[in-house]
Amino acid sequence: MKTVFLCGSNLDGILTGVYDIYASGLSLSECRLELEAEYEPDLFSQYRSVTADSEKAGKVAAKVRSRMSDLAYLRISRAALHKSPDRADWIFRFIRLGLRYGKQTLHMLQNEAVYEIFQMDRYVGNEAHALVEFTRFQSLKSGILLGKVGPENDVLELVAAHFADRFPDTDWVLYDDRRKKAALHEGAAGRWQIRQGVTDGDLELLKRWEPKEDRKALEGSRKPEKAGAVPEAGMEDAGKVLEDRTAEETKEPSGDVYAELWKTFFASIAIEERRNPKCQRNMLPLRYRKYITEFCEMDQTMRNR
């Protein structure tokens, strides 16, 4: 009978699951690792729940780095962001193979687990790279920049890390519309955090918010748990707005002038005789366009130019 270990969907949860499988003493060939939120019950399997433990996950990560390589760990960490419901078991099988063959594992693409991890890593990396190019920010009345994305994979942290380096002194919010979470960056402190459970209503409050006084740098906050991140107590401005749903409403801001100018420019430089929708879809897939300024609704006259 198979023993299925049910773990969390993030990297810590998956690596903790790998640790628990090895610690269980069961035959590795009779074990599977599945995501607790996405598994399908099987009458002929027994199930064990895995509680995420950063210490256990850290031990597995250190073993992967020393036995396999830093590149192997990077691929695992990106594969954990993939949308596949089977990613946890592929990671377990990849680590199991790596602990046996060491650094040469990465070159064993004929092995199904190695190939799947390679494909997931590449897909996640490509989407993060695309969002770096396609993300558009809107300037709010408060001075905060707001961007919306809807990636297939959970790449918000990868994209946020880029913009934290690109706009280190700017307050901005990057919202993942699919997973209802946001990256909030505080320019004064030069750090950012991920907030879960952010709704469209929270974003509307943020858009209407007008600060009554200049924003002040966060004081007395504790250090972030990891590089680039900020503790839950951070983001005195944007974070407070997202949480305070009873804030006073103010009048709707006027249209973003620069957004309209950009749409006009985009429409005016188009050469009708050289229109190639198929090529454009290949270079810029339709799933990205609902979040891109120049493809948002504009005057019909501009569309037909």
Protein backbone atom coordinates (compact mmCIF):
# COMPACT_ATOMS: atom_id res chain seq x y z
CA MET A 1 0.00 0.00 0.00
CA LYS A 2 1.26 3.44 -0.96
CA THR A 3 1.83 6.04 1.75
CA VAL A 4 0.98 9.56 0.61
CA PHE A 5 2.43 12.50 2.54
CA LEU A 6 0.28 15.65 2.26
CA CYS A 7 2.27 18.88 2.41
CA GLY A 8 1.79 22.61 1.97
CA SER A 9 2.06 24.22 -1.45
CA ASN A 10 5.09 26.43 -0.76
CA LEU A 11 8.77 25.48 -0.80
CA ASP A 12 9.04 25.04 2.98
CA GLY A 13 6.04 22.72 3.02
CA ILE A 14 7.38 20.59 0.17
CA LEU A 15 10.89 20.28 1.62
CA THR A 16 9.41 19.42 5.03
CA GLY A 17 7.46 16.67 3.30
CA VAL A 18 10.69 15.31 1.79
CA TYR A 19 12.29 15.33 5.26
CA ASP A 20 9.34 13.50 6.82
CA ILE A 21 9.40 10.81 4.12
CA TYR A 22 13.06 10.04 4.81
CA ALA A 23 12.52 10.22 8.59
CA SER A 24 9.57 7.81 8.43
CA GLY A 25 11.79 4.84 7.61
CA LEU A 26 9.34 3.66 4.95
CA SER A 27 10.43 2.37 1.57
CA LEU A 28 10.93 5.42 -0.65
CA SER A 29 9.45 3.62 -3.64
CA GLU A 30 6.20 3.20 -1.69
CA CYS A 31 5.90 6.89 -0.80
CA ARG A 32 4.42 9.84 -2.65
CA LEU A 33 4.38 13.53 -1.83
CA GLU A 34 1.25 15.47 -2.75
CA LEU A 35 -0.13 18.93 -2.09
CA GLU A 36 -2.73 18.86 0.67
CA ALA A 37 -4.93 21.39 -1.12
CA GLU A 38 -5.01 19.47 -4.42
CA TYR A 39 -4.77 15.73 -3.75
CA GLU A 40 -7.45 13.23 -4.80
CA PRO A 41 -8.20 10.52 -2.18
CA ASP A 42 -7.34 6.95 -3.12
CA LEU A 43 -8.89 3.94 -1.38
CA PHE A 44 -5.67 1.97 -1.68
CA SER A 45 -3.38 4.54 -0.07
CA GLN A 46 -2.81 5.73 3.47
CA TYR A 47 -2.24 9.40 4.18
CA ARG A 48 -0.03 11.36 6.53
CA SER A 49 -0.27 15.09 7.06
CA VAL A 50 2.90 17.19 6.99
CA THR A 51 3.25 20.36 9.06
CA ALA A 52 5.63 22.87 7.51
CA ASP A 53 8.81 23.28 9.57
CA SER A 54 11.46 25.78 8.49
CA GLU A 55 14.18 23.89 10.38
CA LYS A 56 13.45 20.62 8.59
CA ALA A 57 13.17 22.42 5.26
CA GLY A 58 16.50 24.13 5.90
CA LYS A 59 18.21 20.78 6.50
CA VAL A 60 16.91 19.42 3.21
CA ALA A 61 17.93 22.59 1.37
CA ALA A 62 21.45 22.41 2.82
CA LYS A 63 21.73 18.76 1.80
CA VAL A 64 20.61 19.53 -1.75
CA ARG A 65 23.15 22.34 -2.05
CA SER A 66 26.04 20.27 -0.75
CA ARG A 67 25.22 16.99 -2.47
CA MET A 68 23.73 18.25 -5.75
CA SER A 69 24.60 21.96 -6.27
CA ASP A 70 23.24 25.47 -5.79
CA LEU A 71 21.79 25.29 -9.31
CA ALA A 72 19.83 22.18 -8.37
CA TYR A 73 18.36 24.01 -5.38
CA LEU A 74 17.50 27.00 -7.58
CA ARG A 75 15.62 24.73 -9.96
CA ILE A 76 13.76 23.12 -7.08
CA SER A 77 12.78 26.49 -5.61
CA ARG A 78 11.41 27.63 -8.97
CA ALA A 79 9.66 24.33 -9.63
CA ALA A 80 7.85 24.84 -6.31
CA LEU A 81 6.27 27.97 -7.84
CA HIS A 82 4.88 26.06 -10.82
CA LYS A 83 1.14 25.59 -11.26
CA SER A 84 1.37 21.80 -11.62
CA PRO A 85 -0.52 19.92 -8.86
CA ASP A 86 2.15 17.19 -9.09
CA ARG A 87 5.12 19.48 -8.45
CA ALA A 88 5.69 18.23 -4.88
CA ASP A 89 6.15 14.61 -5.97
CA TRP A 90 8.42 15.58 -8.87
CA ILE A 91 10.59 17.54 -6.46
CA PHE A 92 10.73 14.55 -4.08
CA ARG A 93 11.73 12.21 -6.89
CA PHE A 94 14.33 14.69 -8.16
CA ILE A 95 15.90 15.03 -4.70
CA ARG A 96 15.82 11.27 -4.20
CA LEU A 97 17.73 10.82 -7.47
CA GLY A 98 20.12 13.67 -6.63
CA LEU A 99 21.10 12.22 -3.26
CA ARG A 100 22.14 9.08 -5.10
CA TYR A 101 23.95 10.51 -8.13
CA GLY A 102 25.07 13.92 -6.86
CA LYS A 103 26.00 16.78 -9.19
CA GLN A 104 25.62 14.76 -12.38
CA THR A 105 21.86 14.52 -11.74
CA LEU A 106 21.23 17.83 -13.53
CA HIS A 107 22.58 16.36 -16.76
CA MET A 108 20.36 13.26 -16.62
CA LEU A 109 17.57 14.74 -18.73
CA GLN A 110 16.58 11.29 -19.94
CA ASN A 111 15.22 10.71 -16.43
CA GLU A 112 11.58 11.79 -16.16
CA ALA A 113 11.95 13.58 -12.81
CA VAL A 114 14.99 15.57 -13.95
CA TYR A 115 13.25 16.52 -17.19
CA GLU A 116 10.06 17.63 -15.40
CA ILE A 117 11.99 19.80 -12.93
CA PHE A 118 13.95 21.32 -15.82
CA GLN A 119 10.73 22.11 -17.70
CA MET A 120 8.99 23.61 -14.67
CA ASP A 121 12.02 25.72 -13.80
CA ARG A 122 12.22 27.05 -17.35
CA TYR A 123 8.50 27.78 -17.58
CA VAL A 124 8.48 29.68 -14.28
CA GLY A 125 11.62 31.61 -15.21
CA ASN A 126 10.22 32.54 -18.63
CA GLU A 127 6.96 33.82 -17.16
CA ALA A 128 8.75 35.88 -14.52
CA HIS A 129 10.96 37.37 -17.24
CA ALA A 130 7.90 38.18 -19.37
CA LEU A 131 6.16 39.95 -16.48
CA VAL A 132 9.23 42.09 -15.88
CA GLU A 133 8.69 43.37 -19.43
CA PHE A 134 4.88 43.48 -19.49
CA THR A 135 4.00 44.86 -16.04
CA ARG A 136 2.49 48.35 -16.14
CA PHE A 137 2.22 50.60 -13.08
CA GLN A 138 -0.47 53.20 -12.45
CA SER A 139 0.39 56.28 -10.40
CA LEU A 140 -2.17 56.86 -7.62
CA LYS A 141 -3.04 60.16 -5.95
CA SER A 142 -1.10 59.05 -2.89
CA GLY A 143 2.07 58.75 -4.97
CA ILE A 144 2.06 54.96 -4.74
CA LEU A 145 2.58 52.98 -7.94
CA LEU A 146 0.06 50.16 -8.46
CA GLY A 147 0.61 47.28 -10.88
CA LYS A 148 -1.62 44.27 -11.57
CA VAL A 149 -0.57 40.90 -12.96
CA GLY A 150 -2.27 37.54 -13.41
CA PRO A 151 0.48 34.93 -13.87
CA GLU A 152 -0.25 31.24 -14.36
CA ASN A 153 2.54 30.38 -11.91
CA ASP A 154 3.19 31.86 -8.47
CA VAL A 155 5.98 34.19 -9.63
CA LEU A 156 5.02 37.32 -7.66
CA GLU A 157 8.11 37.18 -5.43
CA LEU A 158 10.45 36.79 -8.42
CA VAL A 159 8.93 39.79 -10.19
CA ALA A 160 8.76 41.86 -6.99
CA ALA A 161 12.47 41.28 -6.35
CA HIS A 162 13.23 42.81 -9.75
CA PHE A 163 11.14 45.92 -9.14
CA ALA A 164 12.54 46.31 -5.63
CA ASP A 165 15.94 46.68 -7.28
CA ARG A 166 14.55 48.78 -10.14
CA PHE A 167 12.57 51.22 -7.95
CA PRO A 168 14.38 51.10 -4.58
CA ASP A 169 13.16 54.51 -3.37
CA THR A 170 9.56 54.24 -4.55
CA ASP A 171 6.41 53.09 -2.76
CA TRP A 172 4.66 50.53 -4.96
CA VAL A 173 2.18 47.68 -4.82
CA LEU A 174 2.23 44.73 -7.23
CA TYR A 175 -1.03 42.75 -7.13
CA ASP A 176 -1.48 39.12 -8.22
CA ASP A 177 -5.07 39.05 -9.45
CA ARG A 178 -5.25 35.23 -9.60
CA ARG A 179 -4.02 34.47 -6.10
CA LYS A 180 -5.35 37.62 -4.41
CA LYS A 181 -2.07 38.62 -2.85
CA ALA A 182 0.23 41.59 -3.25
CA ALA A 183 3.85 42.62 -2.92
CA LEU A 184 4.14 45.92 -1.03
CA HIS A 185 7.33 47.92 -1.24
CA GLU A 186 8.19 50.78 1.12
CA GLY A 187 10.68 53.09 -0.55
CA ALA A 188 11.72 54.95 2.59
CA ALA A 189 12.89 51.73 4.24
CA GLY A 190 13.92 49.97 1.03
CA ARG A 191 12.12 46.70 1.80
CA TRP A 192 9.06 44.76 0.77
CA GLN A 193 6.67 42.07 1.90
CA ILE A 194 4.02 39.72 0.52
CA ARG A 195 0.44 40.17 1.79
CA GLN A 196 -2.13 37.40 1.38
CA GLY A 197 -5.88 37.82 0.99
CA VAL A 198 -5.85 41.19 -0.78
CA THR A 199 -9.14 41.80 -2.59
CA ASP A 200 -10.22 44.05 -5.45
CA GLY A 201 -12.07 46.14 -2.87
CA ASP A 202 -8.82 46.75 -1.03
CA LEU A 203 -7.28 48.03 -4.24
CA GLU A 204 -10.17 50.44 -4.78
CA LEU A 205 -9.61 51.85 -1.29
CA LEU A 206 -5.95 52.24 -2.10
CA LYS A 207 -6.78 54.10 -5.32
CA ARG A 208 -9.07 56.53 -3.48
CA TRP A 209 -6.75 57.12 -0.55
CA GLU A 210 -5.25 60.59 -0.23
CA PRO A 211 -2.62 61.04 2.53
CA LYS A 212 -3.35 64.03 4.78
CA GLU A 213 0.30 64.46 5.65
CA ASP A 214 3.67 63.45 4.27
CA ARG A 215 4.52 59.81 4.73
CA LYS A 216 7.17 59.14 7.38
CA ALA A 217 9.81 56.45 7.39
CA LEU A 218 8.90 53.39 9.41
CA GLU A 219 10.53 53.49 12.84
CA GLY A 220 11.26 50.75 15.33
CA SER A 221 10.31 47.88 13.03
CA ARG A 222 11.95 44.54 13.50
CA LYS A 223 14.35 43.18 10.92
CA PRO A 224 12.86 41.10 8.07
CA GLU A 225 13.18 37.34 8.29
CA LYS A 226 14.77 37.10 4.85
CA ALA A 227 16.60 39.40 2.52
CA GLY A 228 14.30 41.78 0.72
CA ALA A 229 11.23 40.90 2.77
CA VAL A 230 9.61 42.97 5.48
CA PRO A 231 7.72 41.71 8.55
CA GLU A 232 3.95 41.82 8.77
CA ALA A 233 4.18 44.97 10.91
CA GLY A 234 5.74 46.91 8.02
CA MET A 235 4.30 49.08 5.24
CA GLU A 236 2.81 51.73 7.48
CA ASP A 237 1.03 53.37 4.56
CA ALA A 238 -0.09 50.96 1.83
CA GLY A 239 -0.48 48.01 4.19
CA LYS A 240 -2.68 50.03 6.52
CA VAL A 241 -4.92 51.05 3.64
CA LEU A 242 -5.31 47.46 2.46
CA GLU A 243 -6.34 46.36 5.95
CA ASP A 244 -8.53 49.32 6.90
CA ARG A 245 -11.69 48.70 4.89
CA THR A 246 -13.66 51.32 6.84
CA ALA A 247 -11.49 54.21 5.69
CA GLU A 248 -13.27 57.37 4.61
CA GLU A 249 -14.07 57.45 0.93
CA THR A 250 -12.87 60.36 -1.16
CA LYS A 251 -13.87 61.39 -4.64
CA GLU A 252 -12.71 59.24 -7.53
CA PRO A 253 -9.39 60.34 -9.01
CA SER A 254 -9.35 61.70 -12.54
CA GLY A 255 -8.02 59.55 -15.36
CA ASP A 256 -4.32 58.92 -15.53
CA VAL A 257 -3.09 61.46 -18.05
CA TYR A 258 0.10 59.59 -18.79
CA ALA A 259 -1.82 56.37 -19.38
CA GLU A 260 -4.01 58.10 -21.95
CA LEU A 261 -0.98 59.66 -23.60
CA TRP A 262 0.67 56.24 -23.79
CA LYS A 263 -2.45 54.72 -25.36
CA THR A 264 -2.57 57.53 -27.91
CA PHE A 265 1.09 57.06 -28.76
CA PHE A 266 0.64 53.30 -29.07
CA ALA A 267 -2.31 53.75 -31.45
CA SER A 268 -0.73 56.52 -33.52
CA ILE A 269 2.55 54.74 -34.33
CA ALA A 270 0.80 51.62 -35.62
CA ILE A 271 1.19 51.00 -39.36
CA GLU A 272 -2.07 49.53 -40.59
CA GLU A 273 -0.49 47.87 -43.61
CA ARG A 274 1.91 45.95 -41.39
CA ARG A 275 -0.63 44.64 -38.89
CA ASN A 276 0.07 41.00 -38.02
CA PRO A 277 -2.18 39.83 -35.15
CA LYS A 278 -0.82 36.27 -35.23
CA CYS A 279 2.77 37.42 -34.81
CA GLN A 280 1.68 39.84 -32.08
CA ARG A 281 -0.05 37.05 -30.17
CA ASN A 282 3.11 34.95 -30.36
CA MET A 283 5.21 37.79 -28.95
CA LEU A 284 2.57 38.98 -26.45
CA PRO A 285 0.04 36.27 -25.44
CA LEU A 286 -3.55 37.35 -24.90
CA ARG A 287 -3.54 36.35 -21.22
CA TYR A 288 -1.21 39.25 -20.40
CA ARG A 289 -3.15 41.97 -22.22
CA LYS A 290 -5.93 42.65 -19.72
CA TYR A 291 -3.29 44.10 -17.38
CA ILE A 292 -1.35 46.11 -19.99
CA THR A 293 -2.21 49.80 -20.32
CA GLU A 294 -2.06 50.04 -24.10
CA PHE A 295 -4.46 47.10 -24.50
CA CYS A 296 -7.01 48.33 -21.98
CA GLU A 297 -10.20 49.92 -23.25
CA MET A 298 -9.62 53.07 -25.26
CA ASP A 299 -11.66 55.27 -27.55
CA GLN A 300 -13.04 53.37 -30.54
CA THR A 301 -11.60 55.95 -32.90
CA MET A 302 -8.11 55.20 -31.60
CA ARG A 303 -8.69 51.48 -32.06
CA ASN A 304 -9.56 51.91 -35.72
CA ARG A 305 -6.68 54.17 -36.67
